[in-house]
Amino acid sequence: MEKIEKAIELFNRFRSPEANAKLISKDDEYVEVKFYGHMCLTCGYYDYFEDFRYEALDLGVELVIDEVRDYGDHAIVRFRIVGKD
């Protein structure tokens, strides 16, 4: 859990206010993160989610995007945890 929270902190440090992340839920298998802000919705929308994956990977947690739910002004992304140090 600490590594996911650190990944969110780093993501927000480097991408806010354009894009922000907030932990919604986490268990042993999945992490759900809310992404919101003034994100570019046409090009590179999924890049924000991939950027978060790389922040987590740098901290030793490997994530795979499992589901993206788009709500217009924000997205909830469910990541499956496939590996962790």
C-alpha atoms as a PDB file:
ATOM      1  CA  MET A   1       0.000   0.000   0.000  1.00  0.00           C
ATOM      2  CA  GLU A   2       2.826   2.412   0.810  1.00  0.00           C
ATOM      3  CA  LYS A   3       4.343   2.015  -2.655  1.00  0.00           C
ATOM      4  CA  ILE A   4       1.005   2.726  -4.356  1.00  0.00           C
ATOM      5  CA  GLU A   5       0.504   5.826  -2.206  1.00  0.00           C
ATOM      6  CA  LYS A   6       4.053   6.951  -3.044  1.00  0.00           C
ATOM      7  CA  ALA A   7       3.369   6.388  -6.774  1.00  0.00           C
ATOM      8  CA  ILE A   8       0.260   8.576  -6.489  1.00  0.00           C
ATOM      9  CA  GLU A   9       2.238  11.247  -4.647  1.00  0.00           C
ATOM     10  CA  LEU A  10       4.924  11.267  -7.368  1.00  0.00           C
ATOM     11  CA  PHE A  11       2.363  11.262 -10.176  1.00  0.00           C
ATOM     12  CA  ASN A  12       0.604  14.271  -8.655  1.00  0.00           C
ATOM     13  CA  ARG A  13       3.871  16.092  -7.976  1.00  0.00           C
ATOM     14  CA  PHE A  14       4.898  15.986 -11.624  1.00  0.00           C
ATOM     15  CA  ARG A  15       1.537  16.163 -13.411  1.00  0.00           C
ATOM     16  CA  SER A  16      -0.738  18.329 -11.285  1.00  0.00           C
ATOM     17  CA  PRO A  17      -2.777  20.443 -11.987  1.00  0.00           C
ATOM     18  CA  GLU A  18      -3.149  18.992 -15.498  1.00  0.00           C
ATOM     19  CA  ALA A  19      -3.743  15.491 -14.153  1.00  0.00           C
ATOM     20  CA  ASN A  20      -4.297  14.255 -10.608  1.00  0.00           C
ATOM     21  CA  ALA A  21      -4.626  10.774  -9.164  1.00  0.00           C
ATOM     22  CA  LYS A  22      -6.477   9.626  -6.050  1.00  0.00           C
ATOM     23  CA  LEU A  23      -6.549   6.127  -4.583  1.00  0.00           C
ATOM     24  CA  ILE A  24     -10.084   4.724  -4.575  1.00  0.00           C
ATOM     25  CA  SER A  25      -9.453   1.166  -3.381  1.00  0.00           C
ATOM     26  CA  LYS A  26      -6.774  -1.484  -3.083  1.00  0.00           C
ATOM     27  CA  ASP A  27      -6.659  -5.151  -2.231  1.00  0.00           C
ATOM     28  CA  ASP A  28      -4.123  -7.911  -2.880  1.00  0.00           C
ATOM     29  CA  GLU A  29      -5.129  -8.223  -6.520  1.00  0.00           C
ATOM     30  CA  TYR A  30      -6.350  -4.800  -7.743  1.00  0.00           C
ATOM     31  CA  VAL A  31      -5.824  -1.061  -7.315  1.00  0.00           C
ATOM     32  CA  GLU A  32      -8.446   1.485  -8.394  1.00  0.00           C
ATOM     33  CA  VAL A  33      -7.314   5.046  -9.035  1.00  0.00           C
ATOM     34  CA  LYS A  34      -9.379   8.088  -9.956  1.00  0.00           C
ATOM     35  CA  PHE A  35      -7.736  10.385 -12.537  1.00  0.00           C
ATOM     36  CA  TYR A  36      -9.071  13.899 -12.868  1.00  0.00           C
ATOM     37  CA  GLY A  37      -8.040  17.398 -13.890  1.00  0.00           C
ATOM     38  CA  HIS A  38      -7.635  19.263 -17.156  1.00  0.00           C
ATOM     39  CA  MET A  39      -6.321  16.220 -18.988  1.00  0.00           C
ATOM     40  CA  CYS A  40      -6.045  16.162 -22.749  1.00  0.00           C
ATOM     41  CA  LEU A  41      -8.897  13.886 -23.799  1.00  0.00           C
ATOM     42  CA  THR A  42      -8.025  13.537 -27.470  1.00  0.00           C
ATOM     43  CA  CYS A  43      -4.369  12.606 -27.715  1.00  0.00           C
ATOM     44  CA  GLY A  44      -2.531  10.839 -24.957  1.00  0.00           C
ATOM     45  CA  TYR A  45      -5.520  10.247 -22.657  1.00  0.00           C
ATOM     46  CA  TYR A  46      -4.305   6.749 -21.804  1.00  0.00           C
ATOM     47  CA  ASP A  47      -0.749   8.054 -21.398  1.00  0.00           C
ATOM     48  CA  TYR A  48      -1.694   9.391 -17.958  1.00  0.00           C
ATOM     49  CA  PHE A  49      -2.645   5.888 -16.867  1.00  0.00           C
ATOM     50  CA  GLU A  50       0.535   4.452 -18.355  1.00  0.00           C
ATOM     51  CA  ASP A  51       2.582   7.148 -16.603  1.00  0.00           C
ATOM     52  CA  PHE A  52       1.101   6.027 -13.304  1.00  0.00           C
ATOM     53  CA  ARG A  53       2.028   2.421 -14.118  1.00  0.00           C
ATOM     54  CA  TYR A  54       5.641   3.509 -14.637  1.00  0.00           C
ATOM     55  CA  GLU A  55       5.693   5.430 -11.347  1.00  0.00           C
ATOM     56  CA  ALA A  56       4.549   2.251  -9.581  1.00  0.00           C
ATOM     57  CA  LEU A  57       7.012   0.097 -11.526  1.00  0.00           C
ATOM     58  CA  ASP A  58       9.897   2.366 -10.488  1.00  0.00           C
ATOM     59  CA  LEU A  59       8.847   1.630  -6.901  1.00  0.00           C
ATOM     60  CA  GLY A  60       8.725  -2.138  -7.466  1.00  0.00           C
ATOM     61  CA  VAL A  61       5.011  -2.691  -8.178  1.00  0.00           C
ATOM     62  CA  GLU A  62       4.053  -3.967 -11.623  1.00  0.00           C
ATOM     63  CA  LEU A  63       0.527  -3.037 -12.707  1.00  0.00           C
ATOM     64  CA  VAL A  64      -1.550  -3.851 -15.780  1.00  0.00           C
ATOM     65  CA  ILE A  65      -4.555  -1.787 -16.827  1.00  0.00           C
ATOM     66  CA  ASP A  66      -7.583  -4.018 -16.327  1.00  0.00           C
ATOM     67  CA  GLU A  67     -10.469  -1.586 -16.863  1.00  0.00           C
ATOM     68  CA  VAL A  68     -11.017   2.107 -17.645  1.00  0.00           C
ATOM     69  CA  ARG A  69     -14.340   3.696 -16.748  1.00  0.00           C
ATOM     70  CA  ASP A  70     -14.667   7.149 -18.294  1.00  0.00           C
ATOM     71  CA  TYR A  71     -17.101   9.562 -16.626  1.00  0.00           C
ATOM     72  CA  GLY A  72     -16.408  12.610 -18.788  1.00  0.00           C
ATOM     73  CA  ASP A  73     -14.756  14.778 -16.118  1.00  0.00           C
ATOM     74  CA  HIS A  74     -12.732  11.924 -14.613  1.00  0.00           C
ATOM     75  CA  ALA A  75     -11.818   8.285 -15.094  1.00  0.00           C
ATOM     76  CA  ILE A  76     -11.610   5.383 -12.688  1.00  0.00           C
ATOM     77  CA  VAL A  77      -8.893   2.956 -13.720  1.00  0.00           C
ATOM     78  CA  ARG A  78      -8.597  -0.511 -12.255  1.00  0.00           C
ATOM     79  CA  PHE A  79      -5.071  -1.903 -12.334  1.00  0.00           C
ATOM     80  CA  ARG A  80      -4.293  -5.563 -11.711  1.00  0.00           C
ATOM     81  CA  ILE A  81      -1.205  -6.142  -9.576  1.00  0.00           C
ATOM     82  CA  VAL A  82       0.996  -8.638 -11.419  1.00  0.00           C
ATOM     83  CA  GLY A  83       4.191  -8.297  -9.421  1.00  0.00           C
ATOM     84  CA  LYS A  84       5.726  -6.527  -6.473  1.00  0.00           C
ATOM     85  CA  ASP A  85       9.057  -6.416  -4.690  1.00  0.00           C
END
